[in-house]
Structure formats: structure tokens, C-alpha cells
Amino acid sequence: MSDLFALAAARDEKPKKGANTNAYDASSIEVLEGLEPVRRRPGMYIGGTDERALHHLVAEVLDNSMDEAVAGHASDIWIGLTKEQYVAVADNGRGIPVDPHPKFPKLSRSEEH
């Protein structure tokens, strides 16, 4: 099995022209409204409340951590089952921006929708 972090470091990707690779705030997030988010990224939506939906939720959270690592913004990902039988996923990435989004100035990005 390959080391995810070694693979990410080996890629020779250059940032897009004019991109600020250090900026990660609410304006970095594209706001999709109505059914557009479901149409564009249907796999991100948890479609139930049974154990399959729980597995999907955990997979999505882990996938977000892996995205941070592959992009070079995280070097560690932790996943475990607590003694209370909760699934815990954590990384040392950038987290979720909580500043107001330019499109919704009265709400933080995490409060939208």
C-alpha cells in the first residue's frame, strides 16, 4: 500500500495563476443553492438513518480529511471508535471556515442552509 502523504508530496502540481494557496476562508467556498448541490455532488448527501447511512457519513468525513492531506494541508488523520461507541475522525488540516461568506454576510459559512 502506498503512503498517501508521499504520493501527495511527489505530485508536481502548480497553483492556478493568481491563486493564493494560503487563503482558506468563507470566500473559498462555492455556494450552491436549491437542488444544485445534490445534482453536482450527489455522493455527499447521506440518504438515510440506518447503518448504511452511518457508514456513508463516516466515509464522507474521512474523505474530507483525506482531501486536506492530499492537498498538502494536513499531515495526520486519526480515526477511531470510542469506548462510548462513537466514531471519531480528526485531522490537523484547515478546518471549516467560520467567517461570513460574501454572498451571505450575516451568517458564518457553517450557519448557511
PDB file of N, CA and C in Angstrom:
ATOM      1  N   MET A   1       0.852  -1.180   0.000  1.00  0.00           N
ATOM      2  CA  MET A   1       0.000   0.000   0.000  1.00  0.00           C
ATOM      3  C   MET A   1       0.894   1.238   0.000  1.00  0.00           C
ATOM      4  N   SER A   2       0.547   2.199  -0.817  1.00  0.00           N
ATOM      5  CA  SER A   2       1.333   3.427  -0.926  1.00  0.00           C
ATOM      6  C   SER A   2       1.040   4.381   0.221  1.00  0.00           C
ATOM      7  N   ASP A   3       2.022   5.181   0.543  1.00  0.00           N
ATOM      8  CA  ASP A   3       1.864   6.215   1.558  1.00  0.00           C
ATOM      9  C   ASP A   3       1.157   7.412   0.931  1.00  0.00           C
ATOM     10  N   LEU A   4      -0.023   7.730   1.408  1.00  0.00           N
ATOM     11  CA  LEU A   4      -0.830   8.827   0.870  1.00  0.00           C
ATOM     12  C   LEU A   4      -0.063  10.139   0.875  1.00  0.00           C
ATOM     13  N   PHE A   5       0.674  10.408   1.941  1.00  0.00           N
ATOM     14  CA  PHE A   5       1.367  11.680   2.060  1.00  0.00           C
ATOM     15  C   PHE A   5       2.571  11.747   1.126  1.00  0.00           C
ATOM     16  N   ALA A   6       3.259  10.615   0.929  1.00  0.00           N
ATOM     17  CA  ALA A   6       4.383  10.591  -0.006  1.00  0.00           C
ATOM     18  C   ALA A   6       3.890  10.810  -1.428  1.00  0.00           C
ATOM     19  N   LEU A   7       2.758  10.213  -1.772  1.00  0.00           N
ATOM     20  CA  LEU A   7       2.192  10.409  -3.108  1.00  0.00           C
ATOM     21  C   LEU A   7       1.822  11.865  -3.334  1.00  0.00           C
ATOM     22  N   ALA A   8       1.235  12.487  -2.335  1.00  0.00           N
ATOM     23  CA  ALA A   8       0.832  13.893  -2.470  1.00  0.00           C
ATOM     24  C   ALA A   8       2.054  14.787  -2.633  1.00  0.00           C
ATOM     25  N   ALA A   9       3.113  14.501  -1.900  1.00  0.00           N
ATOM     26  CA  ALA A   9       4.324  15.321  -1.984  1.00  0.00           C
ATOM     27  C   ALA A   9       5.031  15.132  -3.319  1.00  0.00           C
ATOM     28  N   ALA A  10       4.898  13.950  -3.911  1.00  0.00           N
ATOM     29  CA  ALA A  10       5.586  13.654  -5.163  1.00  0.00           C
ATOM     30  C   ALA A  10       4.925  14.315  -6.371  1.00  0.00           C
ATOM     31  N   ARG A  11       3.663  14.674  -6.258  1.00  0.00           N
ATOM     32  CA  ARG A  11       2.967  15.296  -7.387  1.00  0.00           C
ATOM     33  C   ARG A  11       3.525  16.687  -7.622  1.00  0.00           C
ATOM     34  N   ASP A  12       3.682  17.022  -8.868  1.00  0.00           N
ATOM     35  CA  ASP A  12       4.237  18.327  -9.226  1.00  0.00           C
ATOM     36  C   ASP A  12       3.119  19.209  -9.758  1.00  0.00           C
ATOM     37  N   GLU A  13       2.223  19.619  -8.883  1.00  0.00           N
ATOM     38  CA  GLU A  13       1.115  20.474  -9.290  1.00  0.00           C
ATOM     39  C   GLU A  13       1.428  21.908  -8.930  1.00  0.00           C
ATOM     40  N   LYS A  14       1.170  22.774  -9.853  1.00  0.00           N
ATOM     41  CA  LYS A  14       1.391  24.194  -9.611  1.00  0.00           C
ATOM     42  C   LYS A  14       0.044  24.865  -9.371  1.00  0.00           C
ATOM     43  N   PRO A  15      -0.019  25.834  -8.448  1.00  0.00           N
ATOM     44  CA  PRO A  15      -1.279  26.539  -8.204  1.00  0.00           C
ATOM     45  C   PRO A  15      -1.726  27.290  -9.455  1.00  0.00           C
ATOM     46  N   LYS A  16      -3.028  27.480  -9.582  1.00  0.00           N
ATOM     47  CA  LYS A  16      -3.561  28.255 -10.693  1.00  0.00           C
ATOM     48  C   LYS A  16      -3.051  29.682 -10.604  1.00  0.00           C
ATOM     49  N   LYS A  17      -2.875  30.295 -11.747  1.00  0.00           N
ATOM     50  CA  LYS A  17      -2.374  31.664 -11.802  1.00  0.00           C
ATOM     51  C   LYS A  17      -3.275  32.581 -10.975  1.00  0.00           C
ATOM     52  N   GLY A  18      -2.680  33.359 -10.096  1.00  0.00           N
ATOM     53  CA  GLY A  18      -3.420  34.295  -9.257  1.00  0.00           C
ATOM     54  C   GLY A  18      -4.015  33.675  -8.007  1.00  0.00           C
ATOM     55  N   ALA A  19      -3.855  32.366  -7.823  1.00  0.00           N
ATOM     56  CA  ALA A  19      -4.436  31.709  -6.654  1.00  0.00           C
ATOM     57  C   ALA A  19      -3.558  31.943  -5.430  1.00  0.00           C
ATOM     58  N   ASN A  20      -4.193  32.255  -4.314  1.00  0.00           N
ATOM     59  CA  ASN A  20      -3.484  32.386  -3.047  1.00  0.00           C
ATOM     60  C   ASN A  20      -3.629  31.051  -2.337  1.00  0.00           C
ATOM     61  N   THR A  21      -2.571  30.252  -2.331  1.00  0.00           N
ATOM     62  CA  THR A  21      -2.657  28.904  -1.783  1.00  0.00           C
ATOM     63  C   THR A  21      -2.788  28.886  -0.265  1.00  0.00           C
ATOM     64  N   ASN A  22      -2.503  29.999   0.406  1.00  0.00           N
ATOM     65  CA  ASN A  22      -2.610  30.034   1.860  1.00  0.00           C
ATOM     66  C   ASN A  22      -3.984  30.490   2.335  1.00  0.00           C
ATOM     67  N   ALA A  23      -4.754  31.134   1.479  1.00  0.00           N
ATOM     68  CA  ALA A  23      -6.055  31.654   1.893  1.00  0.00           C
ATOM     69  C   ALA A  23      -7.087  30.534   1.904  1.00  0.00           C
ATOM     70  N   TYR A  24      -7.750  30.373   3.015  1.00  0.00           N
ATOM     71  CA  TYR A  24      -8.854  29.424   3.097  1.00  0.00           C
ATOM     72  C   TYR A  24      -9.861  30.028   4.053  1.00  0.00           C
ATOM     73  N   ASP A  25     -10.817  30.730   3.479  1.00  0.00           N
ATOM     74  CA  ASP A  25     -11.856  31.369   4.273  1.00  0.00           C
ATOM     75  C   ASP A  25     -13.187  31.136   3.578  1.00  0.00           C
ATOM     76  N   ALA A  26     -14.224  31.785   4.047  1.00  0.00           N
ATOM     77  CA  ALA A  26     -15.560  31.556   3.501  1.00  0.00           C
ATOM     78  C   ALA A  26     -15.635  31.858   2.012  1.00  0.00           C
ATOM     79  N   SER A  27     -14.868  32.830   1.537  1.00  0.00           N
ATOM     80  CA  SER A  27     -14.927  33.154   0.109  1.00  0.00           C
ATOM     81  C   SER A  27     -14.301  32.057  -0.751  1.00  0.00           C
ATOM     82  N   SER A  28     -13.595  31.115  -0.141  1.00  0.00           N
ATOM     83  CA  SER A  28     -13.019  29.984  -0.872  1.00  0.00           C
ATOM     84  C   SER A  28     -14.065  28.928  -1.201  1.00  0.00           C
ATOM     85  N   ILE A  29     -15.239  29.043  -0.610  1.00  0.00           N
ATOM     86  CA  ILE A  29     -16.271  28.025  -0.749  1.00  0.00           C
ATOM     87  C   ILE A  29     -17.330  28.486  -1.736  1.00  0.00           C
ATOM     88  N   GLU A  30     -17.613  27.628  -2.710  1.00  0.00           N
ATOM     89  CA  GLU A  30     -18.657  27.923  -3.682  1.00  0.00           C
ATOM     90  C   GLU A  30     -20.010  27.596  -3.054  1.00  0.00           C
ATOM     91  N   VAL A  31     -20.920  28.546  -3.067  1.00  0.00           N
ATOM     92  CA  VAL A  31     -22.247  28.336  -2.505  1.00  0.00           C
ATOM     93  C   VAL A  31     -23.163  27.817  -3.607  1.00  0.00           C
ATOM     94  N   LEU A  32     -23.723  26.640  -3.396  1.00  0.00           N
ATOM     95  CA  LEU A  32     -24.690  26.071  -4.320  1.00  0.00           C
ATOM     96  C   LEU A  32     -26.047  26.130  -3.648  1.00  0.00           C
ATOM     97  N   GLU A  33     -27.068  26.546  -4.397  1.00  0.00           N
ATOM     98  CA  GLU A  33     -28.387  26.721  -3.795  1.00  0.00           C
ATOM     99  C   GLU A  33     -29.413  25.799  -4.433  1.00  0.00           C
ATOM    100  N   GLY A  34     -30.542  25.631  -3.731  1.00  0.00           N
ATOM    101  CA  GLY A  34     -31.615  24.781  -4.236  1.00  0.00           C
ATOM    102  C   GLY A  34     -31.138  23.343  -4.357  1.00  0.00           C
ATOM    103  N   LEU A  35     -31.461  22.701  -5.473  1.00  0.00           N
ATOM    104  CA  LEU A  35     -31.051  21.318  -5.700  1.00  0.00           C
ATOM    105  C   LEU A  35     -29.699  21.201  -6.401  1.00  0.00           C
ATOM    106  N   GLU A  36     -29.090  22.326  -6.731  1.00  0.00           N
ATOM    107  CA  GLU A  36     -27.809  22.300  -7.432  1.00  0.00           C
ATOM    108  C   GLU A  36     -26.730  21.506  -6.686  1.00  0.00           C
ATOM    109  N   PRO A  37     -26.614  21.628  -5.349  1.00  0.00           N
ATOM    110  CA  PRO A  37     -25.584  20.832  -4.668  1.00  0.00           C
ATOM    111  C   PRO A  37     -25.812  19.326  -4.818  1.00  0.00           C
ATOM    112  N   VAL A  38     -27.064  18.906  -4.795  1.00  0.00           N
ATOM    113  CA  VAL A  38     -27.376  17.480  -4.928  1.00  0.00           C
ATOM    114  C   VAL A  38     -27.063  17.010  -6.342  1.00  0.00           C
ATOM    115  N   ARG A  39     -27.388  17.841  -7.325  1.00  0.00           N
ATOM    116  CA  ARG A  39     -27.110  17.475  -8.717  1.00  0.00           C
ATOM    117  C   ARG A  39     -25.612  17.363  -8.982  1.00  0.00           C
ATOM    118  N   ARG A  40     -24.844  18.286  -8.457  1.00  0.00           N
ATOM    119  CA  ARG A  40     -23.408  18.309  -8.749  1.00  0.00           C
ATOM    120  C   ARG A  40     -22.598  17.329  -7.919  1.00  0.00           C
ATOM    121  N   ARG A  41     -23.021  17.071  -6.693  1.00  0.00           N
ATOM    122  CA  ARG A  41     -22.257  16.167  -5.822  1.00  0.00           C
ATOM    123  C   ARG A  41     -23.201  15.254  -5.034  1.00  0.00           C
ATOM    124  N   PRO A  42     -23.909  14.373  -5.730  1.00  0.00           N
ATOM    125  CA  PRO A  42     -24.902  13.538  -5.035  1.00  0.00           C
ATOM    126  C   PRO A  42     -24.292  12.622  -3.985  1.00  0.00           C
ATOM    127  N   GLY A  43     -23.045  12.224  -4.150  1.00  0.00           N
ATOM    128  CA  GLY A  43     -22.413  11.327  -3.193  1.00  0.00           C
ATOM    129  C   GLY A  43     -22.179  11.936  -1.833  1.00  0.00           C
ATOM    130  N   MET A  44     -22.263  13.266  -1.718  1.00  0.00           N
ATOM    131  CA  MET A  44     -22.006  13.932  -0.438  1.00  0.00           C
ATOM    132  C   MET A  44     -23.204  13.883   0.503  1.00  0.00           C
ATOM    133  N   TYR A  45     -24.357  13.470   0.007  1.00  0.00           N
ATOM    134  CA  TYR A  45     -25.561  13.552   0.819  1.00  0.00           C
ATOM    135  C   TYR A  45     -25.898  12.198   1.412  1.00  0.00           C
ATOM    136  N   ILE A  46     -26.131  12.196   2.701  1.00  0.00           N
ATOM    137  CA  ILE A  46     -26.433  10.979   3.430  1.00  0.00           C
ATOM    138  C   ILE A  46     -27.915  10.690   3.231  1.00  0.00           C
ATOM    139  N   GLY A  47     -28.221   9.524   2.665  1.00  0.00           N
ATOM    140  CA  GLY A  47     -29.596   9.262   2.251  1.00  0.00           C
ATOM    141  C   GLY A  47     -30.402   8.397   3.184  1.00  0.00           C
ATOM    142  N   GLY A  48     -30.184   8.441   4.475  1.00  0.00           N
ATOM    143  CA  GLY A  48     -30.982   7.616   5.363  1.00  0.00           C
ATOM    144  C   GLY A  48     -30.537   7.749   6.805  1.00  0.00           C
ATOM    145  N   THR A  49     -31.101   6.881   7.646  1.00  0.00           N
ATOM    146  CA  THR A  49     -30.760   6.901   9.069  1.00  0.00           C
ATOM    147  C   THR A  49     -30.344   5.517   9.562  1.00  0.00           C
ATOM    148  N   ASP A  50     -30.164   4.569   8.646  1.00  0.00           N
ATOM    149  CA  ASP A  50     -29.770   3.221   9.060  1.00  0.00           C
ATOM    150  C   ASP A  50     -28.247   3.099   9.118  1.00  0.00           C
ATOM    151  N   GLU A  51     -27.753   1.866   9.333  1.00  0.00           N
ATOM    152  CA  GLU A  51     -26.304   1.709   9.463  1.00  0.00           C
ATOM    153  C   GLU A  51     -25.560   2.003   8.164  1.00  0.00           C
ATOM    154  N   ARG A  52     -26.204   1.827   7.011  1.00  0.00           N
ATOM    155  CA  ARG A  52     -25.543   2.192   5.750  1.00  0.00           C
ATOM    156  C   ARG A  52     -25.331   3.695   5.674  1.00  0.00           C
ATOM    157  N   ALA A  53     -26.297   4.462   6.158  1.00  0.00           N
ATOM    158  CA  ALA A  53     -26.147   5.922   6.157  1.00  0.00           C
ATOM    159  C   ALA A  53     -25.028   6.339   7.114  1.00  0.00           C
ATOM    160  N   LEU A  54     -24.913   5.671   8.244  1.00  0.00           N
ATOM    161  CA  LEU A  54     -23.828   5.978   9.183  1.00  0.00           C
ATOM    162  C   LEU A  54     -22.474   5.703   8.529  1.00  0.00           C
ATOM    163  N   HIS A  55     -22.352   4.578   7.849  1.00  0.00           N
ATOM    164  CA  HIS A  55     -21.099   4.274   7.159  1.00  0.00           C
ATOM    165  C   HIS A  55     -20.800   5.321   6.093  1.00  0.00           C
ATOM    166  N   HIS A  56     -21.828   5.779   5.400  1.00  0.00           N
ATOM    167  CA  HIS A  56     -21.651   6.812   4.376  1.00  0.00           C
ATOM    168  C   HIS A  56     -21.172   8.114   5.017  1.00  0.00           C
ATOM    169  N   LEU A  57     -21.765   8.478   6.137  1.00  0.00           N
ATOM    170  CA  LEU A  57     -21.363   9.694   6.841  1.00  0.00           C
ATOM    171  C   LEU A  57     -19.894   9.614   7.263  1.00  0.00           C
ATOM    172  N   VAL A  58     -19.500   8.497   7.861  1.00  0.00           N
ATOM    173  CA  VAL A  58     -18.111   8.334   8.295  1.00  0.00           C
ATOM    174  C   VAL A  58     -17.178   8.387   7.083  1.00  0.00           C
ATOM    175  N   ALA A  59     -17.571   7.751   5.988  1.00  0.00           N
ATOM    176  CA  ALA A  59     -16.747   7.773   4.774  1.00  0.00           C
ATOM    177  C   ALA A  59     -16.591   9.193   4.246  1.00  0.00           C
ATOM    178  N   GLU A  60     -17.648   9.998   4.289  1.00  0.00           N
ATOM    179  CA  GLU A  60     -17.571  11.388   3.822  1.00  0.00           C
ATOM    180  C   GLU A  60     -16.643  12.223   4.703  1.00  0.00           C
ATOM    181  N   VAL A  61     -16.737  12.043   6.016  1.00  0.00           N
ATOM    182  CA  VAL A  61     -15.868  12.796   6.930  1.00  0.00           C
ATOM    183  C   VAL A  61     -14.412  12.394   6.707  1.00  0.00           C
ATOM    184  N   LEU A  62     -14.160  11.096   6.580  1.00  0.00           N
ATOM    185  CA  LEU A  62     -12.804  10.626   6.305  1.00  0.00           C
ATOM    186  C   LEU A  62     -12.319  11.143   4.948  1.00  0.00           C
ATOM    187  N   ASP A  63     -13.202  11.158   3.963  1.00  0.00           N
ATOM    188  CA  ASP A  63     -12.853  11.668   2.637  1.00  0.00           C
ATOM    189  C   ASP A  63     -12.441  13.138   2.707  1.00  0.00           C
ATOM    190  N   ASN A  64     -13.137  13.931   3.519  1.00  0.00           N
ATOM    191  CA  ASN A  64     -12.764  15.340   3.687  1.00  0.00           C
ATOM    192  C   ASN A  64     -11.364  15.460   4.289  1.00  0.00           C
ATOM    193  N   SER A  65     -11.057  14.628   5.273  1.00  0.00           N
ATOM    194  CA  SER A  65      -9.717  14.644   5.868  1.00  0.00           C
ATOM    195  C   SER A  65      -8.667  14.241   4.840  1.00  0.00           C
ATOM    196  N   MET A  66      -8.972  13.248   4.036  1.00  0.00           N
ATOM    197  CA  MET A  66      -8.028  12.810   3.008  1.00  0.00           C
ATOM    198  C   MET A  66      -7.814  13.900   1.959  1.00  0.00           C
ATOM    199  N   ASP A  67      -8.868  14.627   1.608  1.00  0.00           N
ATOM    200  CA  ASP A  67      -8.720  15.748   0.668  1.00  0.00           C
ATOM    201  C   ASP A  67      -7.737  16.780   1.217  1.00  0.00           C
ATOM    202  N   GLU A  68      -7.850  17.087   2.505  1.00  0.00           N
ATOM    203  CA  GLU A  68      -6.926  18.036   3.134  1.00  0.00           C
ATOM    204  C   GLU A  68      -5.489  17.518   3.052  1.00  0.00           C
ATOM    205  N   ALA A  69      -5.307  16.231   3.306  1.00  0.00           N
ATOM    206  CA  ALA A  69      -3.965  15.652   3.281  1.00  0.00           C
ATOM    207  C   ALA A  69      -3.384  15.645   1.867  1.00  0.00           C
ATOM    208  N   VAL A  70      -4.164  15.220   0.905  1.00  0.00           N
ATOM    209  CA  VAL A  70      -3.683  15.157  -0.475  1.00  0.00           C
ATOM    210  C   VAL A  70      -3.341  16.552  -0.992  1.00  0.00           C
ATOM    211  N   ALA A  71      -4.088  17.558  -0.549  1.00  0.00           N
ATOM    212  CA  ALA A  71      -3.824  18.937  -0.970  1.00  0.00           C
ATOM    213  C   ALA A  71      -2.640  19.549  -0.219  1.00  0.00           C
ATOM    214  N   GLY A  72      -2.080  18.808   0.736  1.00  0.00           N
ATOM    215  CA  GLY A  72      -0.920  19.302   1.462  1.00  0.00           C
ATOM    216  C   GLY A  72      -1.251  20.164   2.664  1.00  0.00           C
ATOM    217  N   HIS A  73      -2.509  20.148   3.112  1.00  0.00           N
ATOM    218  CA  HIS A  73      -2.918  20.980   4.245  1.00  0.00           C
ATOM    219  C   HIS A  73      -3.048  20.193   5.547  1.00  0.00           C
ATOM    220  N   ALA A  74      -2.790  18.888   5.504  1.00  0.00           N
ATOM    221  CA  ALA A  74      -2.825  18.060   6.717  1.00  0.00           C
ATOM    222  C   ALA A  74      -1.750  16.989   6.581  1.00  0.00           C
ATOM    223  N   SER A  75      -1.175  16.615   7.706  1.00  0.00           N
ATOM    224  CA  SER A  75      -0.169  15.551   7.688  1.00  0.00           C
ATOM    225  C   SER A  75      -0.589  14.354   8.528  1.00  0.00           C
ATOM    226  N   ASP A  76      -1.647  14.495   9.304  1.00  0.00           N
ATOM    227  CA  ASP A  76      -2.119  13.409  10.162  1.00  0.00           C
ATOM    228  C   ASP A  76      -3.632  13.299  10.086  1.00  0.00           C
ATOM    229  N   ILE A  77      -4.113  12.057  10.051  1.00  0.00           N
ATOM    230  CA  ILE A  77      -5.549  11.769  10.125  1.00  0.00           C
ATOM    231  C   ILE A  77      -5.724  10.701  11.192  1.00  0.00           C
ATOM    232  N   TRP A  78      -6.635  10.924  12.114  1.00  0.00           N
ATOM    233  CA  TRP A  78      -6.937   9.964  13.168  1.00  0.00           C
ATOM    234  C   TRP A  78      -8.377   9.510  12.995  1.00  0.00           C
ATOM    235  N   ILE A  79      -8.605   8.203  13.093  1.00  0.00           N
ATOM    236  CA  ILE A  79      -9.965   7.664  13.066  1.00  0.00           C
ATOM    237  C   ILE A  79     -10.030   6.559  14.106  1.00  0.00           C
ATOM    238  N   GLY A  80     -11.106   6.537  14.866  1.00  0.00           N
ATOM    239  CA  GLY A  80     -11.222   5.526  15.904  1.00  0.00           C
ATOM    240  C   GLY A  80     -12.642   5.388  16.405  1.00  0.00           C
ATOM    241  N   LEU A  81     -12.842   4.362  17.193  1.00  0.00           N
ATOM    242  CA  LEU A  81     -14.127   4.105  17.832  1.00  0.00           C
ATOM    243  C   LEU A  81     -13.915   4.301  19.324  1.00  0.00           C
ATOM    244  N   THR A  82     -14.687   5.208  19.928  1.00  0.00           N
ATOM    245  CA  THR A  82     -14.522   5.488  21.351  1.00  0.00           C
ATOM    246  C   THR A  82     -15.171   4.388  22.181  1.00  0.00           C
ATOM    247  N   LYS A  83     -14.864   4.364  23.472  1.00  0.00           N
ATOM    248  CA  LYS A  83     -15.477   3.349  24.334  1.00  0.00           C
ATOM    249  C   LYS A  83     -16.986   3.548  24.450  1.00  0.00           C
ATOM    250  N   GLU A  84     -17.461   4.763  24.155  1.00  0.00           N
ATOM    251  CA  GLU A  84     -18.903   5.027  24.140  1.00  0.00           C
ATOM    252  C   GLU A  84     -19.525   4.647  22.795  1.00  0.00           C
ATOM    253  N   GLN A  85     -18.720   4.062  21.908  1.00  0.00           N
ATOM    254  CA  GLN A  85     -19.116   3.608  20.577  1.00  0.00           C
ATOM    255  C   GLN A  85     -19.460   4.755  19.631  1.00  0.00           C
ATOM    256  N   TYR A  86     -18.729   5.845  19.757  1.00  0.00           N
ATOM    257  CA  TYR A  86     -18.803   6.939  18.791  1.00  0.00           C
ATOM    258  C   TYR A  86     -17.638   6.786  17.823  1.00  0.00           C
ATOM    259  N   VAL A  87     -17.867   7.156  16.582  1.00  0.00           N
ATOM    260  CA  VAL A  87     -16.775   7.187  15.616  1.00  0.00           C
ATOM    261  C   VAL A  87     -16.151   8.572  15.685  1.00  0.00           C
ATOM    262  N   ALA A  88     -14.838   8.622  15.792  1.00  0.00           N
ATOM    263  CA  ALA A  88     -14.127   9.897  15.848  1.00  0.00           C
ATOM    264  C   ALA A  88     -13.173   9.981  14.661  1.00  0.00           C
ATOM    265  N   VAL A  89     -13.261  11.082  13.925  1.00  0.00           N
ATOM    266  CA  VAL A  89     -12.344  11.346  12.817  1.00  0.00           C
ATOM    267  C   VAL A  89     -11.790  12.744  13.043  1.00  0.00           C
ATOM    268  N   ALA A  90     -10.476  12.874  12.973  1.00  0.00           N
ATOM    269  CA  ALA A  90      -9.846  14.185  13.159  1.00  0.00           C
ATOM    270  C   ALA A  90      -8.635  14.282  12.242  1.00  0.00           C
ATOM    271  N   ASP A  91      -8.299  15.495  11.888  1.00  0.00           N
ATOM    272  CA  ASP A  91      -7.070  15.731  11.133  1.00  0.00           C
ATOM    273  C   ASP A  91      -6.477  17.050  11.594  1.00  0.00           C
ATOM    274  N   ASN A  92      -5.273  17.338  11.162  1.00  0.00           N
ATOM    275  CA  ASN A  92      -4.648  18.608  11.516  1.00  0.00           C
ATOM    276  C   ASN A  92      -4.672  19.559  10.320  1.00  0.00           C
ATOM    277  N   GLY A  93      -5.759  19.494   9.560  1.00  0.00           N
ATOM    278  CA  GLY A  93      -5.936  20.359   8.394  1.00  0.00           C
ATOM    279  C   GLY A  93      -6.503  21.716   8.760  1.00  0.00           C
ATOM    280  N   ARG A  94      -7.064  22.376   7.775  1.00  0.00           N
ATOM    281  CA  ARG A  94      -7.503  23.764   7.938  1.00  0.00           C
ATOM    282  C   ARG A  94      -8.830  23.927   8.663  1.00  0.00           C
ATOM    283  N   GLY A  95      -9.641  22.902   8.751  1.00  0.00           N
ATOM    284  CA  GLY A  95     -10.927  23.035   9.415  1.00  0.00           C
ATOM    285  C   GLY A  95     -11.965  23.682   8.518  1.00  0.00           C
ATOM    286  N   ILE A  96     -13.086  24.040   9.097  1.00  0.00           N
ATOM    287  CA  ILE A  96     -14.186  24.654   8.356  1.00  0.00           C
ATOM    288  C   ILE A  96     -14.141  26.156   8.578  1.00  0.00           C
ATOM    289  N   PRO A  97     -14.129  26.938   7.509  1.00  0.00           N
ATOM    290  CA  PRO A  97     -14.148  28.396   7.685  1.00  0.00           C
ATOM    291  C   PRO A  97     -15.430  28.833   8.397  1.00  0.00           C
ATOM    292  N   VAL A  98     -15.296  29.721   9.354  1.00  0.00           N
ATOM    293  CA  VAL A  98     -16.466  30.202  10.083  1.00  0.00           C
ATOM    294  C   VAL A  98     -16.706  31.693   9.886  1.00  0.00           C
ATOM    295  N   ASP A  99     -15.894  32.326   9.041  1.00  0.00           N
ATOM    296  CA  ASP A  99     -16.108  33.747   8.771  1.00  0.00           C
ATOM    297  C   ASP A  99     -17.315  33.908   7.842  1.00  0.00           C
ATOM    298  N   PRO A 100     -17.921  35.095   7.790  1.00  0.00           N
ATOM    299  CA  PRO A 100     -19.086  35.301   6.926  1.00  0.00           C
ATOM    300  C   PRO A 100     -18.724  35.122   5.455  1.00  0.00           C
ATOM    301  N   HIS A 101     -19.621  34.499   4.717  1.00  0.00           N
ATOM    302  CA  HIS A 101     -19.431  34.334   3.278  1.00  0.00           C
ATOM    303  C   HIS A 101     -19.859  35.629   2.599  1.00  0.00           C
ATOM    304  N   PRO A 102     -19.141  36.088   1.568  1.00  0.00           N
ATOM    305  CA  PRO A 102     -19.513  37.337   0.894  1.00  0.00           C
ATOM    306  C   PRO A 102     -20.956  37.349   0.387  1.00  0.00           C
ATOM    307  N   LYS A 103     -21.478  36.175   0.014  1.00  0.00           N
ATOM    308  CA  LYS A 103     -22.848  36.106  -0.503  1.00  0.00           C
ATOM    309  C   LYS A 103     -23.888  36.178   0.622  1.00  0.00           C
ATOM    310  N   PHE A 104     -23.514  35.770   1.835  1.00  0.00           N
ATOM    311  CA  PHE A 104     -24.410  35.775   2.997  1.00  0.00           C
ATOM    312  C   PHE A 104     -23.697  36.444   4.170  1.00  0.00           C
ATOM    313  N   PRO A 105     -23.538  37.765   4.159  1.00  0.00           N
ATOM    314  CA  PRO A 105     -22.703  38.438   5.166  1.00  0.00           C
ATOM    315  C   PRO A 105     -23.206  38.340   6.607  1.00  0.00           C
ATOM    316  N   LYS A 106     -24.476  38.000   6.819  1.00  0.00           N
ATOM    317  CA  LYS A 106     -24.985  37.923   8.195  1.00  0.00           C
ATOM    318  C   LYS A 106     -24.812  36.538   8.813  1.00  0.00           C
ATOM    319  N   LEU A 107     -24.340  35.566   8.017  1.00  0.00           N
ATOM    320  CA  LEU A 107     -24.173  34.203   8.511  1.00  0.00           C
ATOM    321  C   LEU A 107     -22.739  33.746   8.313  1.00  0.00           C
ATOM    322  N   SER A 108     -22.243  32.948   9.257  1.00  0.00           N
ATOM    323  CA  SER A 108     -20.943  32.322   9.017  1.00  0.00           C
ATOM    324  C   SER A 108     -21.162  31.194   8.021  1.00  0.00           C
ATOM    325  N   ARG A 109     -20.103  30.716   7.408  1.00  0.00           N
ATOM    326  CA  ARG A 109     -20.230  29.665   6.401  1.00  0.00           C
ATOM    327  C   ARG A 109     -20.868  28.422   6.993  1.00  0.00           C
ATOM    328  N   SER A 110     -20.589  28.129   8.240  1.00  0.00           N
ATOM    329  CA  SER A 110     -21.142  26.925   8.849  1.00  0.00           C
ATOM    330  C   SER A 110     -22.621  27.066   9.198  1.00  0.00           C
ATOM    331  N   GLU A 111     -23.170  28.288   9.193  1.00  0.00           N
ATOM    332  CA  GLU A 111     -24.581  28.500   9.523  1.00  0.00           C
ATOM    333  C   GLU A 111     -25.492  28.517   8.302  1.00  0.00           C
ATOM    334  N   GLU A 112     -24.931  28.618   7.111  1.00  0.00           N
ATOM    335  CA  GLU A 112     -25.756  28.699   5.912  1.00  0.00           C
ATOM    336  C   GLU A 112     -26.559  27.425   5.742  1.00  0.00           C
ATOM    337  N   HIS A 113     -27.761  27.563   5.307  1.00  0.00           N
ATOM    338  CA  HIS A 113     -28.690  26.469   4.987  1.00  0.00           C
ATOM    339  C   HIS A 113     -28.864  25.620   6.192  1.00  0.00           C
TER     340      HIS A 113
END
